[in-house]
Amino acid sequence: MEIIKYLIFIGIITLIFVIYSEYSIGQILFRPDSSGIITMNLNSLLGFLANPFYRRDLWTWNTLDINYAFVLIYSLCIYYLF
């Protein structure tokens, strides 16, 4: 039962992060295709979520709010503290 709560928490944090990133940066998940129609692009979203694991430029004070690894680790620390 504890794993279900844990996975739900991670899912909620991920959903909030995706919405916030799309709002603050834009055109990560929803971007125009070659014909100009806005479509959902999951490859771009997954690439953005994985970027902090292999790029150092997302580990500055100014970019921690769009760093999925940092947000997830920070949220899990708060989850375990309370």
N, C-alpha and C. Protein backbone atom coordinates (compact mmCIF):
# COMPACT_ATOMS: atom_id res chain seq x y z
N MET A 1 0.82 -1.20 0.00
CA MET A 1 0.00 0.00 0.00
C MET A 1 0.86 1.26 0.00
N GLU A 2 2.02 1.17 0.66
CA GLU A 2 2.91 2.34 0.73
C GLU A 2 3.48 2.67 -0.65
N ILE A 3 3.73 1.65 -1.47
CA ILE A 3 4.28 1.89 -2.81
C ILE A 3 3.26 2.62 -3.67
N ILE A 4 1.99 2.32 -3.51
CA ILE A 4 0.94 3.00 -4.28
C ILE A 4 0.94 4.49 -3.94
N LYS A 5 1.02 4.83 -2.66
CA LYS A 5 1.06 6.24 -2.24
C LYS A 5 2.29 6.92 -2.82
N TYR A 6 3.40 6.23 -2.79
CA TYR A 6 4.66 6.76 -3.30
C TYR A 6 4.56 7.04 -4.81
N LEU A 7 4.02 6.10 -5.57
CA LEU A 7 3.88 6.27 -7.02
C LEU A 7 2.88 7.36 -7.36
N ILE A 8 1.80 7.46 -6.59
CA ILE A 8 0.82 8.53 -6.81
C ILE A 8 1.47 9.88 -6.55
N PHE A 9 2.27 9.98 -5.49
CA PHE A 9 2.97 11.22 -5.18
C PHE A 9 3.92 11.61 -6.31
N ILE A 10 4.70 10.66 -6.81
CA ILE A 10 5.62 10.95 -7.92
C ILE A 10 4.84 11.37 -9.17
N GLY A 11 3.72 10.72 -9.42
CA GLY A 11 2.89 11.08 -10.57
C GLY A 11 2.34 12.49 -10.47
N ILE A 12 1.89 12.87 -9.28
CA ILE A 12 1.36 14.22 -9.07
C ILE A 12 2.47 15.26 -9.23
N ILE A 13 3.64 15.00 -8.65
CA ILE A 13 4.77 15.92 -8.78
C ILE A 13 5.18 16.06 -10.24
N THR A 14 5.21 14.95 -10.97
CA THR A 14 5.57 14.99 -12.39
C THR A 14 4.56 15.79 -13.19
N LEU A 15 3.28 15.58 -12.94
CA LEU A 15 2.23 16.32 -13.65
C LEU A 15 2.32 17.81 -13.37
N ILE A 16 2.50 18.18 -12.11
CA ILE A 16 2.64 19.60 -11.76
C ILE A 16 3.89 20.19 -12.42
N PHE A 17 4.98 19.43 -12.43
CA PHE A 17 6.22 19.91 -13.05
C PHE A 17 6.04 20.12 -14.55
N VAL A 18 5.37 19.20 -15.22
CA VAL A 18 5.15 19.33 -16.67
C VAL A 18 4.29 20.56 -16.96
N ILE A 19 3.24 20.76 -16.19
CA ILE A 19 2.37 21.93 -16.39
C ILE A 19 3.16 23.22 -16.15
N TYR A 20 3.93 23.27 -15.06
CA TYR A 20 4.71 24.46 -14.76
C TYR A 20 5.77 24.72 -15.84
N SER A 21 6.45 23.68 -16.29
CA SER A 21 7.48 23.84 -17.32
C SER A 21 6.88 24.31 -18.64
N GLU A 22 5.74 23.77 -18.98
CA GLU A 22 5.07 24.18 -20.22
C GLU A 22 4.65 25.65 -20.12
N TYR A 23 4.22 26.06 -18.94
CA TYR A 23 3.81 27.45 -18.73
C TYR A 23 5.02 28.38 -18.74
N SER A 24 6.08 28.02 -18.04
CA SER A 24 7.22 28.94 -17.89
C SER A 24 8.14 28.95 -19.10
N ILE A 25 8.37 27.82 -19.73
CA ILE A 25 9.28 27.76 -20.88
C ILE A 25 8.50 27.76 -22.19
N GLY A 26 7.50 26.89 -22.27
CA GLY A 26 6.68 26.81 -23.46
C GLY A 26 7.25 25.88 -24.52
N GLN A 27 6.38 25.30 -25.29
CA GLN A 27 6.70 24.44 -26.43
C GLN A 27 7.61 23.28 -26.07
N ILE A 28 7.35 22.67 -24.92
CA ILE A 28 8.07 21.44 -24.56
C ILE A 28 7.20 20.24 -24.91
N LEU A 29 5.98 20.24 -24.43
CA LEU A 29 5.06 19.14 -24.71
C LEU A 29 4.20 19.45 -25.94
N PHE A 30 3.68 20.66 -26.01
CA PHE A 30 2.83 21.06 -27.14
C PHE A 30 3.63 22.00 -28.03
N ARG A 31 3.94 21.53 -29.23
CA ARG A 31 4.70 22.36 -30.16
C ARG A 31 4.17 22.17 -31.57
N PRO A 32 4.35 23.18 -32.42
CA PRO A 32 3.87 23.05 -33.80
C PRO A 32 4.69 22.04 -34.61
N ASP A 33 3.98 21.28 -35.43
CA ASP A 33 4.68 20.33 -36.31
C ASP A 33 5.04 21.02 -37.63
N SER A 34 5.45 20.27 -38.61
CA SER A 34 5.90 20.85 -39.88
C SER A 34 4.79 21.55 -40.64
N SER A 35 3.53 21.19 -40.37
CA SER A 35 2.41 21.85 -41.05
C SER A 35 1.85 23.00 -40.23
N GLY A 36 2.43 23.29 -39.07
CA GLY A 36 1.99 24.42 -38.26
C GLY A 36 0.91 24.09 -37.25
N ILE A 37 0.49 22.84 -37.19
CA ILE A 37 -0.54 22.42 -36.24
C ILE A 37 0.13 22.06 -34.92
N ILE A 38 -0.42 22.57 -33.82
CA ILE A 38 0.14 22.27 -32.51
C ILE A 38 -0.21 20.83 -32.13
N THR A 39 0.81 20.03 -31.87
CA THR A 39 0.63 18.63 -31.51
C THR A 39 1.37 18.31 -30.22
N MET A 40 1.01 17.19 -29.63
CA MET A 40 1.69 16.74 -28.41
C MET A 40 2.95 15.98 -28.82
N ASN A 41 4.08 16.40 -28.25
CA ASN A 41 5.37 15.80 -28.59
C ASN A 41 5.98 15.19 -27.33
N LEU A 42 5.75 13.90 -27.13
CA LEU A 42 6.26 13.22 -25.93
C LEU A 42 7.77 13.04 -25.95
N ASN A 43 8.37 12.91 -27.13
CA ASN A 43 9.84 12.79 -27.21
C ASN A 43 10.52 14.02 -26.64
N SER A 44 9.99 15.17 -26.97
CA SER A 44 10.58 16.41 -26.47
C SER A 44 10.40 16.52 -24.95
N LEU A 45 9.25 16.10 -24.43
CA LEU A 45 9.01 16.13 -22.99
C LEU A 45 9.95 15.17 -22.27
N LEU A 46 10.07 13.96 -22.76
CA LEU A 46 10.95 12.98 -22.11
C LEU A 46 12.41 13.42 -22.18
N GLY A 47 12.80 14.03 -23.27
CA GLY A 47 14.15 14.57 -23.37
C GLY A 47 14.39 15.69 -22.37
N PHE A 48 13.39 16.55 -22.19
CA PHE A 48 13.52 17.64 -21.22
C PHE A 48 13.59 17.10 -19.80
N LEU A 49 12.80 16.07 -19.49
CA LEU A 49 12.84 15.49 -18.15
C LEU A 49 14.17 14.81 -17.87
N ALA A 50 14.80 14.26 -18.90
CA ALA A 50 16.07 13.56 -18.72
C ALA A 50 17.29 14.47 -18.81
N ASN A 51 17.14 15.69 -19.29
CA ASN A 51 18.26 16.61 -19.47
C ASN A 51 19.14 16.79 -18.23
N PRO A 52 18.60 16.95 -17.03
CA PRO A 52 19.47 17.18 -15.86
C PRO A 52 20.39 16.01 -15.55
N PHE A 53 20.11 14.83 -16.06
CA PHE A 53 20.94 13.67 -15.77
C PHE A 53 22.22 13.63 -16.61
N TYR A 54 22.28 14.43 -17.68
CA TYR A 54 23.50 14.43 -18.49
C TYR A 54 23.96 15.82 -18.92
N ARG A 55 23.29 16.88 -18.47
CA ARG A 55 23.73 18.24 -18.79
C ARG A 55 23.91 19.03 -17.51
N ARG A 56 25.00 19.74 -17.42
CA ARG A 56 25.31 20.49 -16.20
C ARG A 56 24.67 21.87 -16.17
N ASP A 57 24.24 22.40 -17.31
CA ASP A 57 23.73 23.76 -17.32
C ASP A 57 22.37 23.90 -16.64
N LEU A 58 21.71 22.82 -16.31
CA LEU A 58 20.45 22.91 -15.57
C LEU A 58 20.65 22.83 -14.05
N TRP A 59 21.89 22.83 -13.60
CA TRP A 59 22.18 22.75 -12.17
C TRP A 59 22.68 24.08 -11.61
N THR A 60 22.15 25.19 -12.11
CA THR A 60 22.47 26.50 -11.55
C THR A 60 21.28 26.97 -10.73
N TRP A 61 21.51 27.98 -9.89
CA TRP A 61 20.42 28.50 -9.05
C TRP A 61 19.25 29.00 -9.88
N ASN A 62 19.54 29.56 -11.05
CA ASN A 62 18.48 30.13 -11.88
C ASN A 62 17.64 29.09 -12.60
N THR A 63 18.14 27.88 -12.71
CA THR A 63 17.41 26.85 -13.47
C THR A 63 16.92 25.68 -12.62
N LEU A 64 17.03 25.77 -11.32
CA LEU A 64 16.59 24.64 -10.49
C LEU A 64 15.08 24.42 -10.56
N ASP A 65 14.31 25.47 -10.86
CA ASP A 65 12.86 25.29 -10.94
C ASP A 65 12.44 24.48 -12.16
N ILE A 66 13.29 24.39 -13.18
CA ILE A 66 12.96 23.59 -14.37
C ILE A 66 13.85 22.35 -14.46
N ASN A 67 14.43 21.96 -13.35
CA ASN A 67 15.29 20.78 -13.27
C ASN A 67 14.47 19.65 -12.63
N TYR A 68 14.03 18.70 -13.45
CA TYR A 68 13.14 17.64 -12.97
C TYR A 68 13.79 16.79 -11.88
N ALA A 69 15.06 16.48 -12.03
CA ALA A 69 15.74 15.66 -11.03
C ALA A 69 15.76 16.38 -9.68
N PHE A 70 16.07 17.66 -9.68
CA PHE A 70 16.10 18.42 -8.43
C PHE A 70 14.72 18.50 -7.81
N VAL A 71 13.72 18.82 -8.61
CA VAL A 71 12.35 18.95 -8.09
C VAL A 71 11.87 17.62 -7.52
N LEU A 72 12.17 16.53 -8.19
CA LEU A 72 11.75 15.21 -7.72
C LEU A 72 12.47 14.83 -6.42
N ILE A 73 13.77 15.03 -6.36
CA ILE A 73 14.53 14.70 -5.15
C ILE A 73 14.08 15.57 -3.98
N TYR A 74 13.91 16.86 -4.23
CA TYR A 74 13.47 17.78 -3.18
C TYR A 74 12.07 17.40 -2.68
N SER A 75 11.18 17.08 -3.59
CA SER A 75 9.81 16.70 -3.22
C SER A 75 9.80 15.40 -2.42
N LEU A 76 10.63 14.44 -2.81
CA LEU A 76 10.69 13.17 -2.07
C LEU A 76 11.27 13.37 -0.68
N CYS A 77 12.23 14.27 -0.54
CA CYS A 77 12.76 14.59 0.80
C CYS A 77 11.67 15.18 1.69
N ILE A 78 10.89 16.10 1.14
CA ILE A 78 9.78 16.69 1.90
C ILE A 78 8.75 15.61 2.23
N TYR A 79 8.47 14.72 1.29
CA TYR A 79 7.51 13.63 1.51
C TYR A 79 7.94 12.74 2.68
N TYR A 80 9.22 12.40 2.71
CA TYR A 80 9.71 11.52 3.78
C TYR A 80 9.81 12.24 5.12
N LEU A 81 10.03 13.55 5.11
CA LEU A 81 10.10 14.30 6.37
C LEU A 81 8.74 14.43 7.03
N PHE A 82 7.69 14.52 6.22
CA PHE A 82 6.35 14.70 6.78
C PHE A 82 5.51 13.49 6.50
